[in-house]
Every structure is written in structure tokens, then in C-alpha cells.
Amino acid sequence: MSTAATLLIVIGALVIALGVFYGFSIVLSKVSSRIDSQRDARPNPQISAWASANGWAYRPEAPELVGRWAGQPFVTSNYRQSGIKAVQVIDGTSPCGRAFCSFTFRYTKATINKYVKDNHRLWVVALRLSTTLPALSIYQRGFGNHIAHASDHTLFATGYQPFDQRYQVETADQGFAATVLQPQTNLWLLGPGQSIVPFRIVGQDLLCWHSGEAPNGTPALAAQLAALDELAAALPH
């Protein structure tokens, strides 16, 4: 057999092997995504038990939360994003008597290879405020935290350099932002309050979120609720 023929056979074998591997990765990704989705929406006795112990209600899934809010960190279903669910849902009342909802927002996103999915999970906590307020969002500055500006939103600077260098603020009402971001609140957000950044005020809801699943125990959620309550107390009523 000639060298050229041998080379063609080797190349052909490599092409077939790559094709098999590619096909297997697609199947594996789809199966993994389906298993994850089913697992996330399955009742979790551990979460149910500690929620009940704190006087909270537990739901394995809440479809109505998927489209309740627009903008970050939420996504909508399209050719790149699918499998959107709100799972591991806890409903209750914060230490200061405000209604809250904690849940895992999950979705899958197509990678460069559109057939291979990338699973995303975010822990979201929504605290109900006593009144509807103008939109206000605060994000950490840095790569990956660019704000998709709404047409009626503008950037706001407090004038306090440490705060403005660390956080980016977007608001629908500059006067409201100035009222909220007083020196004492700014210092708190640079210290203990940083645990709820990023956050947004959307209508009558105060939202904060973090990468990863909602916690399966009380301490992390209790800490978030305490911080959200503290910020809510500083908002105009």
C-alpha cells in the first residue's frame, strides 16, 4: 500500500472518530440538560423541612416567576437560551415583616457549538417593598457587568470616589438615586451591604442575585434577608 493511501486511511479514520465524538458530545449535553432540569424541579425534602421550620412555604417550581421581571439577571427563551425555570422556591416573610421570594433561576445557553448547552443557575431573592419606587440598579464595575441601558434610564454618580469606582448605578430618576445613595448608605454598601450587590429596584420589588443555586439552609438566606431589610429601611416610603 502506498504512503498516500495509508495517509488517506488515517485521515479518514480521524474524521470518523471526530464525528463520533462530536455526535456523542451533543447527545451527552442534551441528556445532561434534561436530567438537570428534571432534578431541579423535583421536590427536595431537605429544603422543604428547613423552610417549614422557619415558617416559610416551599415549592419545587414556580412557572409564573420565569417572566415576572424583565432585565438582568433574567433571560427570555430564544434560539440560544432554553430550559428556563424558577425552582427551589421559598416564600415567606423577612425579619422586618416584608414578603419575600427566594428561588434558583436556571436556563441552558448554546455555546459556540449551538448543539452543546451550557447550564446556568442564579440564586435570586425578591423582597416586596411597601410602595412602588423608581427604577434603580447597582452593579459591580468590571468585565461582564455591563448594563444594558433602558431608554429611560441614565447613569448616576454619587461623587464619592471609592463608591463610584467600585459600583455603576443606573436609574430612571436622578433625584431618587441621590435620595437613596446618601453617604451612610454608600459606606454600608461598600462594607456589609456589598453582600446584596448587584441589586435592582423594579416597581415594588427589591431584587438581588448571585451565581449558583439557592442555599439549602437558613443562614445564607437569613443573612440576605437581613441586608435587604436594612436597605429597604433606607428607601423613601
C-alpha atoms as a PDB file:
ATOM      1  CA  MET A   1       0.000   0.000   0.000  1.00  0.00           C
ATOM      2  CA  SER A   2       1.369   3.398  -0.942  1.00  0.00           C
ATOM      3  CA  THR A   3       2.168   6.123   1.582  1.00  0.00           C
ATOM      4  CA  ALA A   4      -0.568   8.335   0.107  1.00  0.00           C
ATOM      5  CA  ALA A   5      -3.205   5.631   0.508  1.00  0.00           C
ATOM      6  CA  THR A   6      -2.138   4.977   4.081  1.00  0.00           C
ATOM      7  CA  LEU A   7      -2.339   8.691   4.834  1.00  0.00           C
ATOM      8  CA  LEU A   8      -5.853   8.866   3.378  1.00  0.00           C
ATOM      9  CA  ILE A   9      -6.954   5.925   5.538  1.00  0.00           C
ATOM     10  CA  VAL A  10      -5.518   7.575   8.647  1.00  0.00           C
ATOM     11  CA  ILE A  11      -7.196  10.880   7.830  1.00  0.00           C
ATOM     12  CA  GLY A  12     -10.490   9.117   7.168  1.00  0.00           C
ATOM     13  CA  ALA A  13     -10.289   7.280  10.475  1.00  0.00           C
ATOM     14  CA  LEU A  14      -9.610  10.540  12.293  1.00  0.00           C
ATOM     15  CA  VAL A  15     -12.570  12.226  10.602  1.00  0.00           C
ATOM     16  CA  ILE A  16     -14.867   9.355  11.581  1.00  0.00           C
ATOM     17  CA  ALA A  17     -13.556   9.387  15.158  1.00  0.00           C
ATOM     18  CA  LEU A  18     -14.098  13.145  15.444  1.00  0.00           C
ATOM     19  CA  GLY A  19     -17.601  12.780  14.021  1.00  0.00           C
ATOM     20  CA  VAL A  20     -18.465  10.079  16.546  1.00  0.00           C
ATOM     21  CA  PHE A  21     -17.041  12.178  19.405  1.00  0.00           C
ATOM     22  CA  TYR A  22     -18.931  15.265  18.208  1.00  0.00           C
ATOM     23  CA  GLY A  23     -22.196  13.360  17.980  1.00  0.00           C
ATOM     24  CA  PHE A  24     -21.652  11.777  21.374  1.00  0.00           C
ATOM     25  CA  SER A  25     -20.984  15.189  22.968  1.00  0.00           C
ATOM     26  CA  ILE A  26     -24.246  16.530  21.549  1.00  0.00           C
ATOM     27  CA  VAL A  27     -26.258  13.595  22.869  1.00  0.00           C
ATOM     28  CA  LEU A  28     -24.500  13.749  26.249  1.00  0.00           C
ATOM     29  CA  SER A  29     -25.150  17.500  26.549  1.00  0.00           C
ATOM     30  CA  LYS A  30     -28.860  17.119  25.766  1.00  0.00           C
ATOM     31  CA  VAL A  31     -29.276  14.198  28.169  1.00  0.00           C
ATOM     32  CA  SER A  32     -27.385  16.045  30.917  1.00  0.00           C
ATOM     33  CA  SER A  33     -29.502  19.179  30.430  1.00  0.00           C
ATOM     34  CA  ARG A  34     -32.728  17.144  30.571  1.00  0.00           C
ATOM     35  CA  ILE A  35     -31.613  15.316  33.731  1.00  0.00           C
ATOM     36  CA  ASP A  36     -30.623  18.600  35.404  1.00  0.00           C
ATOM     37  CA  SER A  37     -33.983  20.158  34.529  1.00  0.00           C
ATOM     38  CA  GLN A  38     -35.910  17.211  35.936  1.00  0.00           C
ATOM     39  CA  ARG A  39     -33.760  17.135  39.075  1.00  0.00           C
ATOM     40  CA  ASP A  40     -34.156  20.871  39.719  1.00  0.00           C
ATOM     41  CA  ALA A  41     -37.952  20.690  39.513  1.00  0.00           C
ATOM     42  CA  ARG A  42     -38.187  17.594  41.751  1.00  0.00           C
ATOM     43  CA  PRO A  43     -39.394  18.171  45.355  1.00  0.00           C
ATOM     44  CA  ASN A  44     -36.479  18.438  47.802  1.00  0.00           C
ATOM     45  CA  PRO A  45     -37.393  17.154  51.293  1.00  0.00           C
ATOM     46  CA  GLN A  46     -34.367  18.875  52.869  1.00  0.00           C
ATOM     47  CA  ILE A  47     -35.330  22.331  51.592  1.00  0.00           C
ATOM     48  CA  SER A  48     -38.967  21.704  52.465  1.00  0.00           C
ATOM     49  CA  ALA A  49     -38.025  20.744  56.042  1.00  0.00           C
ATOM     50  CA  TRP A  50     -35.909  23.797  56.862  1.00  0.00           C
ATOM     51  CA  ALA A  51     -38.361  26.137  55.136  1.00  0.00           C
ATOM     52  CA  SER A  52     -41.173  24.737  57.263  1.00  0.00           C
ATOM     53  CA  ALA A  53     -39.042  25.058  60.398  1.00  0.00           C
ATOM     54  CA  ASN A  54     -38.743  28.802  59.704  1.00  0.00           C
ATOM     55  CA  GLY A  55     -42.399  29.299  58.934  1.00  0.00           C
ATOM     56  CA  TRP A  56     -41.798  29.599  55.190  1.00  0.00           C
ATOM     57  CA  ALA A  57     -43.504  27.858  52.274  1.00  0.00           C
ATOM     58  CA  TYR A  58     -41.631  25.681  49.778  1.00  0.00           C
ATOM     59  CA  ARG A  59     -42.428  24.961  46.141  1.00  0.00           C
ATOM     60  CA  PRO A  60     -40.194  22.850  43.865  1.00  0.00           C
ATOM     61  CA  GLU A  61     -41.095  25.014  40.851  1.00  0.00           C
ATOM     62  CA  ALA A  62     -42.924  28.301  40.125  1.00  0.00           C
ATOM     63  CA  PRO A  63     -43.509  28.845  36.371  1.00  0.00           C
ATOM     64  CA  GLU A  64     -45.098  32.263  36.991  1.00  0.00           C
ATOM     65  CA  LEU A  65     -41.751  33.664  38.210  1.00  0.00           C
ATOM     66  CA  VAL A  66     -39.981  32.990  34.909  1.00  0.00           C
ATOM     67  CA  GLY A  67     -41.442  36.035  33.145  1.00  0.00           C
ATOM     68  CA  ARG A  68     -42.356  38.184  36.127  1.00  0.00           C
ATOM     69  CA  TRP A  69     -39.395  40.576  35.788  1.00  0.00           C
ATOM     70  CA  ALA A  70     -37.549  41.829  32.714  1.00  0.00           C
ATOM     71  CA  GLY A  71     -33.871  42.768  32.549  1.00  0.00           C
ATOM     72  CA  GLN A  72     -30.890  41.413  34.449  1.00  0.00           C
ATOM     73  CA  PRO A  73     -30.393  38.742  35.603  1.00  0.00           C
ATOM     74  CA  PHE A  74     -33.287  37.208  33.711  1.00  0.00           C
ATOM     75  CA  VAL A  75     -33.274  35.887  30.155  1.00  0.00           C
ATOM     76  CA  THR A  76     -36.024  35.014  27.699  1.00  0.00           C
ATOM     77  CA  SER A  77     -36.299  31.889  25.611  1.00  0.00           C
ATOM     78  CA  ASN A  78     -34.808  32.140  22.129  1.00  0.00           C
ATOM     79  CA  TYR A  79     -32.610  30.130  19.767  1.00  0.00           C
ATOM     80  CA  ARG A  80     -29.677  30.378  22.228  1.00  0.00           C
ATOM     81  CA  GLN A  81     -31.448  30.125  25.587  1.00  0.00           C
ATOM     82  CA  SER A  82     -33.903  27.458  26.657  1.00  0.00           C
ATOM     83  CA  GLY A  83     -34.988  25.325  29.583  1.00  0.00           C
ATOM     84  CA  ILE A  84     -35.805  28.425  31.656  1.00  0.00           C
ATOM     85  CA  LYS A  85     -37.219  27.554  35.080  1.00  0.00           C
ATOM     86  CA  ALA A  86     -37.681  29.036  38.547  1.00  0.00           C
ATOM     87  CA  VAL A  87     -37.070  26.200  41.021  1.00  0.00           C
ATOM     88  CA  GLN A  88     -36.257  25.630  44.719  1.00  0.00           C
ATOM     89  CA  VAL A  89     -38.756  28.358  45.596  1.00  0.00           C
ATOM     90  CA  ILE A  90     -39.149  29.675  49.146  1.00  0.00           C
ATOM     91  CA  ASP A  91     -41.932  32.144  50.014  1.00  0.00           C
ATOM     92  CA  GLY A  92     -42.114  33.844  53.380  1.00  0.00           C
ATOM     93  CA  THR A  93     -41.740  36.968  55.461  1.00  0.00           C
ATOM     94  CA  SER A  94     -38.441  38.699  56.291  1.00  0.00           C
ATOM     95  CA  PRO A  95     -37.431  39.558  59.889  1.00  0.00           C
ATOM     96  CA  CYS A  96     -38.919  43.033  59.376  1.00  0.00           C
ATOM     97  CA  GLY A  97     -42.209  41.687  58.078  1.00  0.00           C
ATOM     98  CA  ARG A  98     -41.700  42.129  54.333  1.00  0.00           C
ATOM     99  CA  ALA A  99     -42.847  39.397  51.955  1.00  0.00           C
ATOM    100  CA  PHE A 100     -40.010  37.711  50.076  1.00  0.00           C
ATOM    101  CA  CYS A 101     -39.388  35.034  47.489  1.00  0.00           C
ATOM    102  CA  SER A 102     -36.116  33.111  47.085  1.00  0.00           C
ATOM    103  CA  PHE A 103     -35.501  30.807  44.119  1.00  0.00           C
ATOM    104  CA  THR A 104     -32.997  29.350  41.670  1.00  0.00           C
ATOM    105  CA  PHE A 105     -33.330  30.777  38.157  1.00  0.00           C
ATOM    106  CA  ARG A 106     -31.952  28.178  35.757  1.00  0.00           C
ATOM    107  CA  TYR A 107     -31.535  28.069  31.982  1.00  0.00           C
ATOM    108  CA  THR A 108     -29.334  26.498  29.344  1.00  0.00           C
ATOM    109  CA  LYS A 109     -27.422  28.510  26.783  1.00  0.00           C
ATOM    110  CA  ALA A 110     -25.952  27.368  23.486  1.00  0.00           C
ATOM    111  CA  THR A 111     -22.176  27.587  23.208  1.00  0.00           C
ATOM    112  CA  ILE A 112     -20.161  28.205  20.026  1.00  0.00           C
ATOM    113  CA  ASN A 113     -21.351  24.758  19.117  1.00  0.00           C
ATOM    114  CA  LYS A 114     -25.082  25.518  19.257  1.00  0.00           C
ATOM    115  CA  TYR A 115     -25.889  21.879  19.966  1.00  0.00           C
ATOM    116  CA  VAL A 116     -23.874  21.809  23.183  1.00  0.00           C
ATOM    117  CA  LYS A 117     -25.618  23.521  26.097  1.00  0.00           C
ATOM    118  CA  ASP A 118     -24.098  25.471  28.970  1.00  0.00           C
ATOM    119  CA  ASN A 119     -26.146  25.281  32.180  1.00  0.00           C
ATOM    120  CA  HIS A 120     -26.601  28.479  34.203  1.00  0.00           C
ATOM    121  CA  ARG A 121     -28.015  28.868  37.721  1.00  0.00           C
ATOM    122  CA  LEU A 122     -28.629  32.052  39.679  1.00  0.00           C
ATOM    123  CA  TRP A 123     -29.914  32.486  43.205  1.00  0.00           C
ATOM    124  CA  VAL A 124     -32.479  35.308  43.223  1.00  0.00           C
ATOM    125  CA  VAL A 125     -34.116  36.926  46.250  1.00  0.00           C
ATOM    126  CA  ALA A 126     -37.032  39.326  45.754  1.00  0.00           C
ATOM    127  CA  LEU A 127     -38.198  41.479  48.677  1.00  0.00           C
ATOM    128  CA  ARG A 128     -41.583  43.210  48.476  1.00  0.00           C
ATOM    129  CA  LEU A 129     -41.462  46.933  49.272  1.00  0.00           C
ATOM    130  CA  SER A 130     -44.225  48.990  50.856  1.00  0.00           C
ATOM    131  CA  THR A 131     -44.646  51.160  47.756  1.00  0.00           C
ATOM    132  CA  THR A 132     -43.723  51.363  44.071  1.00  0.00           C
ATOM    133  CA  LEU A 133     -40.429  53.197  43.521  1.00  0.00           C
ATOM    134  CA  PRO A 134     -38.452  54.479  40.506  1.00  0.00           C
ATOM    135  CA  ALA A 135     -36.083  52.004  38.874  1.00  0.00           C
ATOM    136  CA  LEU A 136     -32.608  51.850  40.409  1.00  0.00           C
ATOM    137  CA  SER A 137     -29.846  49.332  39.677  1.00  0.00           C
ATOM    138  CA  ILE A 138     -26.387  48.941  41.213  1.00  0.00           C
ATOM    139  CA  TYR A 139     -23.737  46.629  39.739  1.00  0.00           C
ATOM    140  CA  GLN A 140     -20.109  45.881  40.416  1.00  0.00           C
ATOM    141  CA  ARG A 141     -17.914  47.578  37.831  1.00  0.00           C
ATOM    142  CA  GLY A 142     -15.790  45.261  35.758  1.00  0.00           C
ATOM    143  CA  PHE A 143     -15.789  42.817  32.889  1.00  0.00           C
ATOM    144  CA  GLY A 144     -19.111  41.063  32.400  1.00  0.00           C
ATOM    145  CA  ASN A 145     -21.110  43.640  34.351  1.00  0.00           C
ATOM    146  CA  HIS A 146     -22.034  45.990  31.522  1.00  0.00           C
ATOM    147  CA  ILE A 147     -25.559  47.331  31.921  1.00  0.00           C
ATOM    148  CA  ALA A 148     -27.955  47.071  29.001  1.00  0.00           C
ATOM    149  CA  HIS A 149     -29.419  50.560  29.329  1.00  0.00           C
ATOM    150  CA  ALA A 150     -33.149  51.088  29.069  1.00  0.00           C
ATOM    151  CA  SER A 151     -34.171  54.146  27.048  1.00  0.00           C
ATOM    152  CA  ASP A 152     -35.458  55.963  30.144  1.00  0.00           C
ATOM    153  CA  HIS A 153     -32.505  55.083  32.400  1.00  0.00           C
ATOM    154  CA  THR A 154     -29.340  57.128  32.929  1.00  0.00           C
ATOM    155  CA  LEU A 155     -26.093  56.608  34.804  1.00  0.00           C
ATOM    156  CA  PHE A 156     -25.709  58.236  38.191  1.00  0.00           C
ATOM    157  CA  ALA A 157     -22.586  59.169  40.168  1.00  0.00           C
ATOM    158  CA  THR A 158     -22.600  59.842  43.905  1.00  0.00           C
ATOM    159  CA  GLY A 159     -19.457  61.987  43.847  1.00  0.00           C
ATOM    160  CA  TYR A 160     -17.848  59.695  46.423  1.00  0.00           C
ATOM    161  CA  GLN A 161     -14.876  58.272  44.550  1.00  0.00           C
ATOM    162  CA  PRO A 162     -14.496  54.898  46.325  1.00  0.00           C
ATOM    163  CA  PHE A 163     -18.165  54.147  45.663  1.00  0.00           C
ATOM    164  CA  ASP A 164     -18.207  55.396  42.066  1.00  0.00           C
ATOM    165  CA  GLN A 165     -15.041  53.452  41.228  1.00  0.00           C
ATOM    166  CA  ARG A 166     -16.494  50.223  42.545  1.00  0.00           C
ATOM    167  CA  TYR A 167     -20.147  50.444  41.522  1.00  0.00           C
ATOM    168  CA  GLN A 168     -22.081  51.502  38.453  1.00  0.00           C
ATOM    169  CA  VAL A 169     -25.520  52.986  39.123  1.00  0.00           C
ATOM    170  CA  GLU A 170     -28.389  53.229  36.672  1.00  0.00           C
ATOM    171  CA  THR A 171     -31.674  54.940  37.467  1.00  0.00           C
ATOM    172  CA  ALA A 172     -34.887  56.242  35.962  1.00  0.00           C
ATOM    173  CA  ASP A 173     -34.883  59.143  38.447  1.00  0.00           C
ATOM    174  CA  GLN A 174     -31.688  61.010  39.346  1.00  0.00           C
ATOM    175  CA  GLY A 175     -33.327  62.713  42.330  1.00  0.00           C
ATOM    176  CA  PHE A 176     -34.476  59.363  43.721  1.00  0.00           C
ATOM    177  CA  ALA A 177     -30.982  57.906  43.328  1.00  0.00           C
ATOM    178  CA  ALA A 178     -29.491  60.888  45.168  1.00  0.00           C
ATOM    179  CA  THR A 179     -32.007  60.434  47.990  1.00  0.00           C
ATOM    180  CA  VAL A 180     -31.215  56.728  48.356  1.00  0.00           C
ATOM    181  CA  LEU A 181     -27.446  56.889  47.953  1.00  0.00           C
ATOM    182  CA  GLN A 182     -26.636  59.077  50.931  1.00  0.00           C
ATOM    183  CA  PRO A 183     -23.109  58.874  52.459  1.00  0.00           C
ATOM    184  CA  GLN A 184     -24.176  56.450  55.208  1.00  0.00           C
ATOM    185  CA  THR A 185     -25.823  54.093  52.724  1.00  0.00           C
ATOM    186  CA  ASN A 186     -22.851  54.318  50.363  1.00  0.00           C
ATOM    187  CA  LEU A 187     -20.439  53.327  53.142  1.00  0.00           C
ATOM    188  CA  TRP A 188     -22.735  50.451  54.105  1.00  0.00           C
ATOM    189  CA  LEU A 189     -22.849  49.207  50.509  1.00  0.00           C
ATOM    190  CA  LEU A 190     -19.050  49.252  50.423  1.00  0.00           C
ATOM    191  CA  GLY A 191     -18.994  47.196  53.640  1.00  0.00           C
ATOM    192  CA  PRO A 192     -21.640  44.800  54.987  1.00  0.00           C
ATOM    193  CA  GLY A 193     -24.147  45.739  52.296  1.00  0.00           C
ATOM    194  CA  GLN A 194     -21.937  44.503  49.461  1.00  0.00           C
ATOM    195  CA  SER A 195     -23.499  41.065  50.015  1.00  0.00           C
ATOM    196  CA  ILE A 196     -26.636  42.193  48.118  1.00  0.00           C
ATOM    197  CA  VAL A 197     -24.837  43.785  45.152  1.00  0.00           C
ATOM    198  CA  PRO A 198     -25.893  43.533  42.370  1.00  0.00           C
ATOM    199  CA  PHE A 199     -29.423  44.633  43.143  1.00  0.00           C
ATOM    200  CA  ARG A 200     -32.318  46.335  41.382  1.00  0.00           C
ATOM    201  CA  ILE A 201     -35.458  48.132  42.422  1.00  0.00           C
ATOM    202  CA  VAL A 202     -38.184  47.125  39.971  1.00  0.00           C
ATOM    203  CA  GLY A 203     -41.579  48.605  40.733  1.00  0.00           C
ATOM    204  CA  GLN A 204     -42.445  47.356  44.209  1.00  0.00           C
ATOM    205  CA  ASP A 205     -39.719  44.707  44.339  1.00  0.00           C
ATOM    206  CA  LEU A 206     -36.117  44.822  45.530  1.00  0.00           C
ATOM    207  CA  LEU A 207     -34.124  42.117  43.725  1.00  0.00           C
ATOM    208  CA  CYS A 208     -30.634  40.781  44.349  1.00  0.00           C
ATOM    209  CA  TRP A 209     -28.905  37.771  42.811  1.00  0.00           C
ATOM    210  CA  HIS A 210     -25.746  35.654  42.887  1.00  0.00           C
ATOM    211  CA  SER A 211     -24.247  32.910  40.755  1.00  0.00           C
ATOM    212  CA  GLY A 212     -25.114  29.383  41.834  1.00  0.00           C
ATOM    213  CA  GLU A 213     -28.112  27.626  43.320  1.00  0.00           C
ATOM    214  CA  ALA A 214     -30.306  28.851  46.156  1.00  0.00           C
ATOM    215  CA  PRO A 215     -28.960  27.637  49.528  1.00  0.00           C
ATOM    216  CA  ASN A 216     -30.296  24.512  51.206  1.00  0.00           C
ATOM    217  CA  GLY A 217     -30.092  26.024  54.675  1.00  0.00           C
ATOM    218  CA  THR A 218     -31.243  29.005  56.687  1.00  0.00           C
ATOM    219  CA  PRO A 219     -28.063  31.062  57.459  1.00  0.00           C
ATOM    220  CA  ALA A 220     -27.306  32.292  53.923  1.00  0.00           C
ATOM    221  CA  LEU A 221     -30.914  33.257  53.218  1.00  0.00           C
ATOM    222  CA  ALA A 222     -31.321  34.850  56.648  1.00  0.00           C
ATOM    223  CA  ALA A 223     -28.225  36.999  56.018  1.00  0.00           C
ATOM    224  CA  GLN A 224     -29.550  38.146  52.647  1.00  0.00           C
ATOM    225  CA  LEU A 225     -32.946  38.999  54.100  1.00  0.00           C
ATOM    226  CA  ALA A 226     -31.374  40.998  56.935  1.00  0.00           C
ATOM    227  CA  ALA A 227     -29.300  43.023  54.450  1.00  0.00           C
ATOM    228  CA  LEU A 228     -32.257  43.588  52.121  1.00  0.00           C
ATOM    229  CA  ASP A 229     -34.368  44.698  55.074  1.00  0.00           C
ATOM    230  CA  GLU A 230     -31.666  47.192  56.043  1.00  0.00           C
ATOM    231  CA  LEU A 231     -31.553  48.675  52.555  1.00  0.00           C
ATOM    232  CA  ALA A 232     -35.356  48.751  52.329  1.00  0.00           C
ATOM    233  CA  ALA A 233     -35.462  50.738  55.577  1.00  0.00           C
ATOM    234  CA  ALA A 234     -33.255  53.410  53.963  1.00  0.00           C
ATOM    235  CA  LEU A 235     -35.579  53.826  50.961  1.00  0.00           C
ATOM    236  CA  PRO A 236     -38.202  56.604  50.774  1.00  0.00           C
ATOM    237  CA  HIS A 237     -41.604  55.398  51.938  1.00  0.00           C
END
